[in-house]
Structures are given as structure tokens and as C-alpha cells.
């Protein structure tokens, strides 16, 4: 294993404080906040394991992603195939760089919202903008992404800071976490009721079918070597871009497949902005039977012009 790789692995768990023990495969430092002494131990600290043969044996028994997570202490290593490889392969078409297209103050917009108190809440604003091929294209043009201190606080931040809020006609939200029973099990108000009381009167229950949305995205990003996308993200939405780049399908073992539906499922992690977009798209775009079945043949969205200024 290279020294650079080992250093990167140790840095993944090492804070900014300089280690007072810094040997091959081992770093020890003092946590400046509480005075605790912490050690980061890498397998290369063991001479019997710090050789090409041992490393090759371990790699042969696991996936590259699992090896990177377990042995290289890489908490960002991902498993499974990328759900949306197009965003890396055709980034210049999918990510809209500034200066951004003009959005008329009269042009209707809509939003998707994923609620989270500990995890981030995400509010993603969308509108129709014609792409270079003259086709209707959904653009995500603004986001708020942060843990919500309270429904009223989050609603106020959106209303105060979103430049398109007056143009939004619907805010599509999760029918379970937002409109469902209070998570504490009490008879208290739902998140939706608290948002409505705070003036968030555009909020409505959205649709959440993941498989249908993945098919819809595949349709929007198909054949990008010869055509323009019909879904884009403005660069001012960095959290949404990051989630699309990191999205992965679950990687199921043979034993897991025996007890699971083998249909493709995304890893349910780091997906708050995507969930907001999913609800916003599914609740607005007409879903044809070909999209529902994953054939990705639909080219037109008949009602798109009523969203254009």
C-alpha cells in the first residue's frame, strides 16, 4: 500500500490537531475539546499485513468498495452501481452554470420538500425552461438544505430567502413524514399542520414512487451524446448535485436476494434533496405507461407550455 493511500486513510479519522505519535499505520493525538487521547490504527501498522500478498488476499474476498471502507477507513466509499452515471459523464449538459437563464416574475414554479429535524430538510424549487433542442426541460433553480429547528423556522427561512416563492403554486411533500401522524406517537399536530399555521399554505401531499422516478430520470437523461437533457440542475443547488453524484443502487448478496425483491433499489442514505425533487417531479409531470414500465419512450409532456411565461 502506498504511503499516500495510508496517509489518506488515517486523515479520514484524524482531526485537525497534530498527532504526537505519527508512525507507519498509527497516529495518536489529543482531542483539543475534551483532552481525550485518540488513536487511529491502520492495518499497515502490522508488518505481517503490510505486504502485497496479504492485501491481494483480502481484496480477493471482498468488493473494492467494502475493502476501501473496512481496511482504508474510507467512510465515503460507496457500494453498488451509480444510479445516475449521466451526471458525471455529461456534467456540462446537466449542470447549468451561471449566468443562469432568466426566470420571469410571471413564470409559475413549484417545489418539493423533504422534512428532517435531525437530518437535513430540503426545499427544491423547479420550473419549466426550454432546452437547446426546443424541448420542455425541468430545471431545479434554488434550494434550502439544512436541519429544521422547527416547522415555523424552516417555513420562514424559505419565505424570506427564496426569490421565487411568490411564483410557487404548489409545495409537494411526503405524505407520511409531513402529513402522517405525529412521530412522537402523541395526538399533537402533524408537521403539515404546523407548516400551514406558519403561513406555508402552498404545501400539499406529493407522490413518492422511487421506481417510477428513476424511470422518469432515465428518460430525461437518455441519449445525451446526441440530445439535450430534459432535466437540469443549476449550480446554485450544490447539495442536490452532490446527492445525484453519490447515489448508488443497493448491492445485494446472494443470501439477501433470496429474501428480497431483486428490483433495483437505491441506497436510502444522503438523499434528502433528491427526495424533494422526486416528489416535485412525480406530482407535476404526466407519467406515461412507458415510463412506469421503465421503457423510457415518452418524449413529450403535453401540458408543459402552461408553466412557461
C-alpha atoms as a PDB file:
ATOM      1  CA  UNK A   1       0.000   0.000   0.000  1.00  0.00           C
ATOM      2  CA  UNK A   2       1.339   3.419  -0.897  1.00  0.00           C
ATOM      3  CA  UNK A   3       2.266   5.926   1.786  1.00  0.00           C
ATOM      4  CA  UNK A   4      -0.170   8.413   0.211  1.00  0.00           C
ATOM      5  CA  UNK A   5      -3.034   5.917   0.484  1.00  0.00           C
ATOM      6  CA  UNK A   6      -2.194   5.136   4.092  1.00  0.00           C
ATOM      7  CA  UNK A   7      -1.985   8.822   4.987  1.00  0.00           C
ATOM      8  CA  UNK A   8      -5.350   9.492   3.328  1.00  0.00           C
ATOM      9  CA  UNK A   9      -6.928   6.658   5.304  1.00  0.00           C
ATOM     10  CA  UNK A  10      -5.618   7.948   8.611  1.00  0.00           C
ATOM     11  CA  UNK A  11      -6.588  11.521   7.790  1.00  0.00           C
ATOM     12  CA  UNK A  12     -10.165  10.323   7.309  1.00  0.00           C
ATOM     13  CA  UNK A  13     -10.457   9.815  11.069  1.00  0.00           C
ATOM     14  CA  UNK A  14      -7.862  12.301  12.292  1.00  0.00           C
ATOM     15  CA  UNK A  15      -8.956  15.813  13.358  1.00  0.00           C
ATOM     16  CA  UNK A  16      -7.053  18.981  12.682  1.00  0.00           C
ATOM     17  CA  UNK A  17      -4.940  18.574  15.834  1.00  0.00           C
ATOM     18  CA  UNK A  18      -1.382  17.439  15.034  1.00  0.00           C
ATOM     19  CA  UNK A  19      -0.658  13.853  16.202  1.00  0.00           C
ATOM     20  CA  UNK A  20       2.061  13.443  18.823  1.00  0.00           C
ATOM     21  CA  UNK A  21       2.639   9.840  17.681  1.00  0.00           C
ATOM     22  CA  UNK A  22       2.965   9.541  13.915  1.00  0.00           C
ATOM     23  CA  UNK A  23       4.303   6.154  12.847  1.00  0.00           C
ATOM     24  CA  UNK A  24       3.517   3.948   9.856  1.00  0.00           C
ATOM     25  CA  UNK A  25      -0.112   2.896  10.274  1.00  0.00           C
ATOM     26  CA  UNK A  26      -0.549   4.635  13.641  1.00  0.00           C
ATOM     27  CA  UNK A  27      -1.412   8.143  14.731  1.00  0.00           C
ATOM     28  CA  UNK A  28      -2.259   9.284  18.260  1.00  0.00           C
ATOM     29  CA  UNK A  29      -3.480  12.766  19.079  1.00  0.00           C
ATOM     30  CA  UNK A  30      -5.141  14.699  21.866  1.00  0.00           C
ATOM     31  CA  UNK A  31      -8.687  15.898  21.286  1.00  0.00           C
ATOM     32  CA  UNK A  32      -8.465  19.663  21.975  1.00  0.00           C
ATOM     33  CA  UNK A  33     -12.119  19.816  23.065  1.00  0.00           C
ATOM     34  CA  UNK A  34     -12.069  17.256  25.865  1.00  0.00           C
ATOM     35  CA  UNK A  35      -8.413  16.265  26.349  1.00  0.00           C
ATOM     36  CA  UNK A  36      -9.039  12.613  25.410  1.00  0.00           C
ATOM     37  CA  UNK A  37      -6.233  10.748  23.672  1.00  0.00           C
ATOM     38  CA  UNK A  38      -7.361   9.066  20.455  1.00  0.00           C
ATOM     39  CA  UNK A  39      -5.573   6.510  18.284  1.00  0.00           C
ATOM     40  CA  UNK A  40      -6.163   5.775  14.598  1.00  0.00           C
ATOM     41  CA  UNK A  41      -4.795   2.333  13.728  1.00  0.00           C
ATOM     42  CA  UNK A  42      -4.379   1.208  10.119  1.00  0.00           C
ATOM     43  CA  UNK A  43      -3.607  -2.363   9.073  1.00  0.00           C
ATOM     44  CA  UNK A  44      -0.219  -1.275   7.701  1.00  0.00           C
ATOM     45  CA  UNK A  45       0.962  -0.908  11.310  1.00  0.00           C
ATOM     46  CA  UNK A  46       1.252  -4.731  11.338  1.00  0.00           C
ATOM     47  CA  UNK A  47       4.375  -5.755   9.344  1.00  0.00           C
ATOM     48  CA  UNK A  48       2.784  -9.127   8.550  1.00  0.00           C
ATOM     49  CA  UNK A  49      -0.087  -7.388   6.777  1.00  0.00           C
ATOM     50  CA  UNK A  50       1.833  -4.558   5.149  1.00  0.00           C
ATOM     51  CA  UNK A  51       2.704  -6.508   2.023  1.00  0.00           C
ATOM     52  CA  UNK A  52       1.242  -7.009  -1.435  1.00  0.00           C
ATOM     53  CA  UNK A  53       0.332 -10.686  -0.975  1.00  0.00           C
ATOM     54  CA  UNK A  54      -1.749 -10.135   2.174  1.00  0.00           C
ATOM     55  CA  UNK A  55      -3.512  -7.144   0.641  1.00  0.00           C
ATOM     56  CA  UNK A  56      -4.269  -9.136  -2.543  1.00  0.00           C
ATOM     57  CA  UNK A  57      -5.806 -11.952  -0.465  1.00  0.00           C
ATOM     58  CA  UNK A  58      -8.092  -9.538   1.358  1.00  0.00           C
ATOM     59  CA  UNK A  59      -9.115  -7.787  -1.845  1.00  0.00           C
ATOM     60  CA  UNK A  60      -9.995 -11.134  -3.424  1.00  0.00           C
ATOM     61  CA  UNK A  61     -12.501 -11.877  -0.666  1.00  0.00           C
ATOM     62  CA  UNK A  62     -14.478  -8.635  -0.770  1.00  0.00           C
ATOM     63  CA  UNK A  63     -15.631  -5.873  -3.099  1.00  0.00           C
ATOM     64  CA  UNK A  64     -13.391  -2.855  -3.817  1.00  0.00           C
ATOM     65  CA  UNK A  65     -15.869  -0.585  -2.011  1.00  0.00           C
ATOM     66  CA  UNK A  66     -16.004  -2.817   1.079  1.00  0.00           C
ATOM     67  CA  UNK A  67     -12.204  -3.064   1.176  1.00  0.00           C
ATOM     68  CA  UNK A  68     -11.940   0.695   0.976  1.00  0.00           C
ATOM     69  CA  UNK A  69     -14.444   1.164   3.822  1.00  0.00           C
ATOM     70  CA  UNK A  70     -13.127  -1.527   6.163  1.00  0.00           C
ATOM     71  CA  UNK A  71      -9.390  -1.504   5.554  1.00  0.00           C
ATOM     72  CA  UNK A  72      -8.700   2.035   4.356  1.00  0.00           C
ATOM     73  CA  UNK A  73     -11.124   3.649   6.848  1.00  0.00           C
ATOM     74  CA  UNK A  74     -12.837   5.440   3.997  1.00  0.00           C
ATOM     75  CA  UNK A  75     -16.299   6.382   5.244  1.00  0.00           C
ATOM     76  CA  UNK A  76     -17.183   7.847   1.839  1.00  0.00           C
ATOM     77  CA  UNK A  77     -16.647   4.598  -0.075  1.00  0.00           C
ATOM     78  CA  UNK A  78     -19.843   3.580  -1.842  1.00  0.00           C
ATOM     79  CA  UNK A  79     -21.333   0.225  -2.778  1.00  0.00           C
ATOM     80  CA  UNK A  80     -23.381  -0.736  -5.797  1.00  0.00           C
ATOM     81  CA  UNK A  81     -23.575   0.802  -9.247  1.00  0.00           C
ATOM     82  CA  UNK A  82     -24.122   4.512  -9.691  1.00  0.00           C
ATOM     83  CA  UNK A  83     -27.828   5.271 -10.043  1.00  0.00           C
ATOM     84  CA  UNK A  84     -27.231   8.331 -12.226  1.00  0.00           C
ATOM     85  CA  UNK A  85     -23.876   7.921 -14.044  1.00  0.00           C
ATOM     86  CA  UNK A  86     -25.027  10.501 -16.599  1.00  0.00           C
ATOM     87  CA  UNK A  87     -24.326  13.359 -14.179  1.00  0.00           C
ATOM     88  CA  UNK A  88     -20.618  12.546 -14.281  1.00  0.00           C
ATOM     89  CA  UNK A  89     -20.480  11.587 -17.972  1.00  0.00           C
ATOM     90  CA  UNK A  90     -22.463  14.601 -19.241  1.00  0.00           C
ATOM     91  CA  UNK A  91     -21.970  17.119 -16.472  1.00  0.00           C
ATOM     92  CA  UNK A  92     -21.651  20.090 -18.817  1.00  0.00           C
ATOM     93  CA  UNK A  93     -25.160  19.424 -20.168  1.00  0.00           C
ATOM     94  CA  UNK A  94     -26.884  18.607 -16.871  1.00  0.00           C
ATOM     95  CA  UNK A  95     -25.355  21.256 -14.563  1.00  0.00           C
ATOM     96  CA  UNK A  96     -26.316  24.797 -15.565  1.00  0.00           C
ATOM     97  CA  UNK A  97     -23.502  27.257 -14.878  1.00  0.00           C
ATOM     98  CA  UNK A  98     -24.012  30.983 -14.249  1.00  0.00           C
ATOM     99  CA  UNK A  99     -25.133  33.277 -15.715  1.00  0.00           C
ATOM    100  CA  UNK A 100     -28.409  31.436 -15.273  1.00  0.00           C
ATOM    101  CA  UNK A 101     -31.381  31.685 -17.649  1.00  0.00           C
ATOM    102  CA  UNK A 102     -33.901  34.402 -16.871  1.00  0.00           C
ATOM    103  CA  UNK A 103     -36.982  33.303 -14.964  1.00  0.00           C
ATOM    104  CA  UNK A 104     -39.782  35.797 -15.481  1.00  0.00           C
ATOM    105  CA  UNK A 105     -41.558  37.004 -12.313  1.00  0.00           C
ATOM    106  CA  UNK A 106     -44.751  35.796 -14.010  1.00  0.00           C
ATOM    107  CA  UNK A 107     -43.464  32.263 -14.674  1.00  0.00           C
ATOM    108  CA  UNK A 108     -45.039  29.638 -12.420  1.00  0.00           C
ATOM    109  CA  UNK A 109     -42.730  27.453 -10.341  1.00  0.00           C
ATOM    110  CA  UNK A 110     -43.283  24.582  -7.953  1.00  0.00           C
ATOM    111  CA  UNK A 111     -41.234  22.940  -5.194  1.00  0.00           C
ATOM    112  CA  UNK A 112     -40.588  19.639  -3.487  1.00  0.00           C
ATOM    113  CA  UNK A 113     -39.858  19.443   0.225  1.00  0.00           C
ATOM    114  CA  UNK A 114     -38.287  16.645   2.270  1.00  0.00           C
ATOM    115  CA  UNK A 115     -38.688  17.143   6.018  1.00  0.00           C
ATOM    116  CA  UNK A 116     -35.978  16.418   8.564  1.00  0.00           C
ATOM    117  CA  UNK A 117     -35.272  17.628  12.081  1.00  0.00           C
ATOM    118  CA  UNK A 118     -32.014  15.755  12.746  1.00  0.00           C
ATOM    119  CA  UNK A 119     -31.281  15.031   9.092  1.00  0.00           C
ATOM    120  CA  UNK A 120     -31.409  17.991   6.707  1.00  0.00           C
ATOM    121  CA  UNK A 121     -34.699  19.311   5.428  1.00  0.00           C
ATOM    122  CA  UNK A 122     -34.570  20.110   1.749  1.00  0.00           C
ATOM    123  CA  UNK A 123     -36.634  22.564  -0.287  1.00  0.00           C
ATOM    124  CA  UNK A 124     -36.007  22.402  -4.055  1.00  0.00           C
ATOM    125  CA  UNK A 125     -37.629  24.864  -6.492  1.00  0.00           C
ATOM    126  CA  UNK A 126     -38.364  23.781 -10.083  1.00  0.00           C
ATOM    127  CA  UNK A 127     -39.712  25.339 -13.242  1.00  0.00           C
ATOM    128  CA  UNK A 128     -40.009  24.597 -16.958  1.00  0.00           C
ATOM    129  CA  UNK A 129     -37.344  26.104 -19.228  1.00  0.00           C
ATOM    130  CA  UNK A 130     -36.985  25.210 -22.914  1.00  0.00           C
ATOM    131  CA  UNK A 131     -33.673  23.456 -23.643  1.00  0.00           C
ATOM    132  CA  UNK A 132     -31.417  23.935 -26.680  1.00  0.00           C
ATOM    133  CA  UNK A 133     -33.359  21.275 -28.616  1.00  0.00           C
ATOM    134  CA  UNK A 134     -36.583  23.226 -28.113  1.00  0.00           C
ATOM    135  CA  UNK A 135     -37.956  20.602 -25.721  1.00  0.00           C
ATOM    136  CA  UNK A 136     -39.575  21.287 -22.347  1.00  0.00           C
ATOM    137  CA  UNK A 137     -36.979  20.883 -19.603  1.00  0.00           C
ATOM    138  CA  UNK A 138     -37.423  20.877 -15.839  1.00  0.00           C
ATOM    139  CA  UNK A 139     -34.735  22.957 -14.110  1.00  0.00           C
ATOM    140  CA  UNK A 140     -34.116  22.908 -10.354  1.00  0.00           C
ATOM    141  CA  UNK A 141     -33.207  26.528  -9.736  1.00  0.00           C
ATOM    142  CA  UNK A 142     -32.985  27.110  -5.946  1.00  0.00           C
ATOM    143  CA  UNK A 143     -32.582  25.111  -2.748  1.00  0.00           C
ATOM    144  CA  UNK A 144     -32.594  25.398   1.015  1.00  0.00           C
ATOM    145  CA  UNK A 145     -30.845  22.453   2.674  1.00  0.00           C
ATOM    146  CA  UNK A 146     -30.368  22.326   6.436  1.00  0.00           C
ATOM    147  CA  UNK A 147     -31.752  20.683   9.605  1.00  0.00           C
ATOM    148  CA  UNK A 148     -35.009  22.386  10.523  1.00  0.00           C
ATOM    149  CA  UNK A 149     -35.124  23.875  14.014  1.00  0.00           C
ATOM    150  CA  UNK A 150     -38.913  23.850  13.776  1.00  0.00           C
ATOM    151  CA  UNK A 151     -41.551  23.844  11.029  1.00  0.00           C
ATOM    152  CA  UNK A 152     -42.193  27.537  11.590  1.00  0.00           C
ATOM    153  CA  UNK A 153     -38.478  28.395  11.428  1.00  0.00           C
ATOM    154  CA  UNK A 154     -37.927  26.435   8.205  1.00  0.00           C
ATOM    155  CA  UNK A 155     -41.040  27.889   6.567  1.00  0.00           C
ATOM    156  CA  UNK A 156     -39.977  31.425   7.466  1.00  0.00           C
ATOM    157  CA  UNK A 157     -36.480  30.883   6.046  1.00  0.00           C
ATOM    158  CA  UNK A 158     -37.934  29.727   2.745  1.00  0.00           C
ATOM    159  CA  UNK A 159     -40.414  32.597   2.554  1.00  0.00           C
ATOM    160  CA  UNK A 160     -37.762  35.187   3.466  1.00  0.00           C
ATOM    161  CA  UNK A 161     -34.942  33.920   1.229  1.00  0.00           C
ATOM    162  CA  UNK A 162     -36.403  32.187  -1.817  1.00  0.00           C
ATOM    163  CA  UNK A 163     -36.574  34.711  -4.682  1.00  0.00           C
ATOM    164  CA  UNK A 164     -39.208  32.573  -6.438  1.00  0.00           C
ATOM    165  CA  UNK A 165     -41.529  31.941  -3.511  1.00  0.00           C
ATOM    166  CA  UNK A 166     -44.307  34.212  -4.802  1.00  0.00           C
ATOM    167  CA  UNK A 167     -44.286  32.252  -8.089  1.00  0.00           C
ATOM    168  CA  UNK A 168     -44.582  28.811  -6.459  1.00  0.00           C
ATOM    169  CA  UNK A 169     -48.015  27.284  -6.963  1.00  0.00           C
ATOM    170  CA  UNK A 170     -47.512  24.010  -5.035  1.00  0.00           C
ATOM    171  CA  UNK A 171     -45.055  22.613  -2.489  1.00  0.00           C
ATOM    172  CA  UNK A 172     -45.133  18.811  -2.806  1.00  0.00           C
ATOM    173  CA  UNK A 173     -44.205  16.995   0.408  1.00  0.00           C
ATOM    174  CA  UNK A 174     -44.011  13.478   1.833  1.00  0.00           C
ATOM    175  CA  UNK A 175     -47.495  12.163   2.658  1.00  0.00           C
ATOM    176  CA  UNK A 176     -46.060  10.081   5.522  1.00  0.00           C
ATOM    177  CA  UNK A 177     -43.467  12.170   7.346  1.00  0.00           C
ATOM    178  CA  UNK A 178     -45.200  15.524   6.767  1.00  0.00           C
ATOM    179  CA  UNK A 179     -48.881  14.624   6.564  1.00  0.00           C
ATOM    180  CA  UNK A 180     -48.827  11.433   8.640  1.00  0.00           C
ATOM    181  CA  UNK A 181     -49.301  11.045  12.403  1.00  0.00           C
ATOM    182  CA  UNK A 182     -47.016  12.839  14.812  1.00  0.00           C
ATOM    183  CA  UNK A 183     -43.792  10.826  15.076  1.00  0.00           C
ATOM    184  CA  UNK A 184     -43.784  11.053  18.848  1.00  0.00           C
ATOM    185  CA  UNK A 185     -46.955   8.961  18.910  1.00  0.00           C
ATOM    186  CA  UNK A 186     -48.872  11.744  20.612  1.00  0.00           C
ATOM    187  CA  UNK A 187     -52.048  13.400  19.407  1.00  0.00           C
ATOM    188  CA  UNK A 188     -50.215  16.608  18.611  1.00  0.00           C
ATOM    189  CA  UNK A 189     -50.354  18.395  15.251  1.00  0.00           C
ATOM    190  CA  UNK A 190     -48.676  16.952  12.170  1.00  0.00           C
ATOM    191  CA  UNK A 191     -45.716  18.677  10.543  1.00  0.00           C
ATOM    192  CA  UNK A 192     -48.084  19.757   7.781  1.00  0.00           C
ATOM    193  CA  UNK A 193     -50.419  21.432  10.269  1.00  0.00           C
ATOM    194  CA  UNK A 194     -47.520  23.317  11.849  1.00  0.00           C
ATOM    195  CA  UNK A 195     -46.253  24.443   8.447  1.00  0.00           C
ATOM    196  CA  UNK A 196     -49.726  25.613   7.441  1.00  0.00           C
ATOM    197  CA  UNK A 197     -50.041  27.559  10.697  1.00  0.00           C
ATOM    198  CA  UNK A 198     -46.709  29.235   9.853  1.00  0.00           C
ATOM    199  CA  UNK A 199     -48.114  30.513   6.548  1.00  0.00           C
ATOM    200  CA  UNK A 200     -46.816  27.712   4.314  1.00  0.00           C
ATOM    201  CA  UNK A 201     -50.228  27.447   2.687  1.00  0.00           C
ATOM    202  CA  UNK A 202     -48.988  26.010  -0.632  1.00  0.00           C
ATOM    203  CA  UNK A 203     -47.990  22.674   0.860  1.00  0.00           C
ATOM    204  CA  UNK A 204     -49.733  19.555  -0.500  1.00  0.00           C
ATOM    205  CA  UNK A 205     -49.071  15.784  -0.300  1.00  0.00           C
ATOM    206  CA  UNK A 206     -46.829  14.505  -3.088  1.00  0.00           C
ATOM    207  CA  UNK A 207     -46.123  11.192  -4.809  1.00  0.00           C
ATOM    208  CA  UNK A 208     -43.122   9.099  -3.765  1.00  0.00           C
ATOM    209  CA  UNK A 209     -42.696   6.086  -6.104  1.00  0.00           C
ATOM    210  CA  UNK A 210     -38.936   5.608  -6.365  1.00  0.00           C
ATOM    211  CA  UNK A 211     -39.003   3.169  -9.299  1.00  0.00           C
ATOM    212  CA  UNK A 212     -41.226   5.459 -11.361  1.00  0.00           C
ATOM    213  CA  UNK A 213     -38.974   8.428 -10.604  1.00  0.00           C
ATOM    214  CA  UNK A 214     -35.825   6.519 -11.593  1.00  0.00           C
ATOM    215  CA  UNK A 215     -37.517   5.655 -14.900  1.00  0.00           C
ATOM    216  CA  UNK A 216     -38.512   9.295 -15.330  1.00  0.00           C
ATOM    217  CA  UNK A 217     -34.902  10.383 -14.736  1.00  0.00           C
ATOM    218  CA  UNK A 218     -33.597   7.763 -17.171  1.00  0.00           C
ATOM    219  CA  UNK A 219     -35.961   9.225 -19.770  1.00  0.00           C
ATOM    220  CA  UNK A 220     -34.807  12.772 -19.035  1.00  0.00           C
ATOM    221  CA  UNK A 221     -31.113  11.824 -19.318  1.00  0.00           C
ATOM    222  CA  UNK A 222     -31.210   9.290 -22.162  1.00  0.00           C
ATOM    223  CA  UNK A 223     -29.024   9.550 -25.301  1.00  0.00           C
ATOM    224  CA  UNK A 224     -27.181  12.624 -24.052  1.00  0.00           C
ATOM    225  CA  UNK A 225     -24.459  12.108 -26.668  1.00  0.00           C
ATOM    226  CA  UNK A 226     -26.944  13.269 -29.296  1.00  0.00           C
ATOM    227  CA  UNK A 227     -29.635  15.223 -27.432  1.00  0.00           C
ATOM    228  CA  UNK A 228     -30.137  17.729 -24.638  1.00  0.00           C
ATOM    229  CA  UNK A 229     -31.424  16.657 -21.194  1.00  0.00           C
ATOM    230  CA  UNK A 230     -34.982  17.372 -20.144  1.00  0.00           C
ATOM    231  CA  UNK A 231     -33.954  17.732 -16.507  1.00  0.00           C
ATOM    232  CA  UNK A 232     -31.150  20.041 -15.343  1.00  0.00           C
ATOM    233  CA  UNK A 233     -29.776  21.421 -12.085  1.00  0.00           C
ATOM    234  CA  UNK A 234     -28.483  24.932 -11.597  1.00  0.00           C
ATOM    235  CA  UNK A 235     -25.072  25.094  -9.961  1.00  0.00           C
ATOM    236  CA  UNK A 236     -26.559  27.150  -7.110  1.00  0.00           C
ATOM    237  CA  UNK A 237     -28.021  23.834  -5.804  1.00  0.00           C
ATOM    238  CA  UNK A 238     -24.779  22.129  -4.643  1.00  0.00           C
ATOM    239  CA  UNK A 239     -26.412  19.714  -2.187  1.00  0.00           C
ATOM    240  CA  UNK A 240     -28.711  18.294  -4.838  1.00  0.00           C
ATOM    241  CA  UNK A 241     -25.786  17.893  -7.248  1.00  0.00           C
ATOM    242  CA  UNK A 242     -23.760  16.123  -4.556  1.00  0.00           C
ATOM    243  CA  UNK A 243     -26.586  13.676  -3.837  1.00  0.00           C
ATOM    244  CA  UNK A 244     -27.059  12.811  -7.517  1.00  0.00           C
ATOM    245  CA  UNK A 245     -23.326  12.197  -7.859  1.00  0.00           C
ATOM    246  CA  UNK A 246     -23.228   9.889  -4.822  1.00  0.00           C
ATOM    247  CA  UNK A 247     -26.497   7.994  -5.427  1.00  0.00           C
ATOM    248  CA  UNK A 248     -25.982   4.237  -5.629  1.00  0.00           C
ATOM    249  CA  UNK A 249     -28.108   1.149  -6.106  1.00  0.00           C
ATOM    250  CA  UNK A 250     -28.095  -1.347  -3.268  1.00  0.00           C
ATOM    251  CA  UNK A 251     -25.623  -4.169  -3.711  1.00  0.00           C
ATOM    252  CA  UNK A 252     -27.367  -7.334  -2.528  1.00  0.00           C
ATOM    253  CA  UNK A 253     -25.612 -10.567  -1.646  1.00  0.00           C
ATOM    254  CA  UNK A 254     -26.944 -13.930  -2.815  1.00  0.00           C
ATOM    255  CA  UNK A 255     -28.450 -14.534   0.646  1.00  0.00           C
ATOM    256  CA  UNK A 256     -30.135 -11.125   0.641  1.00  0.00           C
ATOM    257  CA  UNK A 257     -31.554 -11.781  -2.837  1.00  0.00           C
ATOM    258  CA  UNK A 258     -33.253 -14.934  -1.545  1.00  0.00           C
ATOM    259  CA  UNK A 259     -35.351 -12.812   0.819  1.00  0.00           C
ATOM    260  CA  UNK A 260     -35.673  -9.578  -1.157  1.00  0.00           C
ATOM    261  CA  UNK A 261     -37.329  -8.254  -4.265  1.00  0.00           C
ATOM    262  CA  UNK A 262     -34.499  -8.217  -6.820  1.00  0.00           C
ATOM    263  CA  UNK A 263     -35.710  -4.991  -8.439  1.00  0.00           C
ATOM    264  CA  UNK A 264     -33.210  -2.135  -8.323  1.00  0.00           C
ATOM    265  CA  UNK A 265     -33.419  -0.095  -5.143  1.00  0.00           C
ATOM    266  CA  UNK A 266     -31.376   2.933  -4.220  1.00  0.00           C
ATOM    267  CA  UNK A 267     -29.353   3.111  -1.030  1.00  0.00           C
ATOM    268  CA  UNK A 268     -31.606   5.021   1.377  1.00  0.00           C
ATOM    269  CA  UNK A 269     -28.943   7.470   2.529  1.00  0.00           C
ATOM    270  CA  UNK A 270     -27.872  11.017   1.676  1.00  0.00           C
ATOM    271  CA  UNK A 271     -30.998  11.536  -0.432  1.00  0.00           C
ATOM    272  CA  UNK A 272     -32.948  14.408   1.137  1.00  0.00           C
ATOM    273  CA  UNK A 273     -32.645  16.812  -1.808  1.00  0.00           C
ATOM    274  CA  UNK A 274     -33.335  14.022  -4.301  1.00  0.00           C
ATOM    275  CA  UNK A 275     -36.458  13.035  -2.366  1.00  0.00           C
ATOM    276  CA  UNK A 276     -37.688  16.613  -2.643  1.00  0.00           C
ATOM    277  CA  UNK A 277     -37.071  16.636  -6.391  1.00  0.00           C
ATOM    278  CA  UNK A 278     -38.668  13.185  -6.720  1.00  0.00           C
ATOM    279  CA  UNK A 279     -41.909  14.443  -5.167  1.00  0.00           C
ATOM    280  CA  UNK A 280     -41.818  17.644  -7.193  1.00  0.00           C
ATOM    281  CA  UNK A 281     -41.352  15.791 -10.472  1.00  0.00           C
ATOM    282  CA  UNK A 282     -43.734  12.882  -9.875  1.00  0.00           C
ATOM    283  CA  UNK A 283     -46.505  15.194  -8.719  1.00  0.00           C
ATOM    284  CA  UNK A 284     -46.188  17.540 -11.702  1.00  0.00           C
ATOM    285  CA  UNK A 285     -45.070  15.576 -14.762  1.00  0.00           C
ATOM    286  CA  UNK A 286     -47.641  13.349 -16.530  1.00  0.00           C
ATOM    287  CA  UNK A 287     -46.414   9.762 -16.111  1.00  0.00           C
ATOM    288  CA  UNK A 288     -46.989   7.654 -19.224  1.00  0.00           C
ATOM    289  CA  UNK A 289     -47.296   3.869 -19.095  1.00  0.00           C
ATOM    290  CA  UNK A 290     -43.943   3.527 -20.895  1.00  0.00           C
ATOM    291  CA  UNK A 291     -42.207   5.452 -18.119  1.00  0.00           C
ATOM    292  CA  UNK A 292     -43.935   3.432 -15.407  1.00  0.00           C
ATOM    293  CA  UNK A 293     -42.728   0.215 -17.049  1.00  0.00           C
ATOM    294  CA  UNK A 294     -39.192   1.522 -17.458  1.00  0.00           C
ATOM    295  CA  UNK A 295     -39.184   1.644 -21.260  1.00  0.00           C
ATOM    296  CA  UNK A 296     -38.305   5.353 -21.304  1.00  0.00           C
ATOM    297  CA  UNK A 297     -40.028   6.073 -24.644  1.00  0.00           C
ATOM    298  CA  UNK A 298     -42.078   9.143 -23.778  1.00  0.00           C
ATOM    299  CA  UNK A 299     -40.740  12.289 -25.459  1.00  0.00           C
ATOM    300  CA  UNK A 300     -43.437  14.882 -24.864  1.00  0.00           C
ATOM    301  CA  UNK A 301     -45.052  16.373 -21.808  1.00  0.00           C
ATOM    302  CA  UNK A 302     -48.301  17.775 -23.237  1.00  0.00           C
ATOM    303  CA  UNK A 303     -49.078  20.306 -20.524  1.00  0.00           C
ATOM    304  CA  UNK A 304     -45.640  21.911 -20.251  1.00  0.00           C
ATOM    305  CA  UNK A 305     -46.488  25.152 -22.045  1.00  0.00           C
ATOM    306  CA  UNK A 306     -48.889  26.258 -19.340  1.00  0.00           C
ATOM    307  CA  UNK A 307     -45.880  26.518 -16.999  1.00  0.00           C
ATOM    308  CA  UNK A 308     -43.944  28.765 -19.371  1.00  0.00           C
ATOM    309  CA  UNK A 309     -44.192  32.557 -19.106  1.00  0.00           C
END
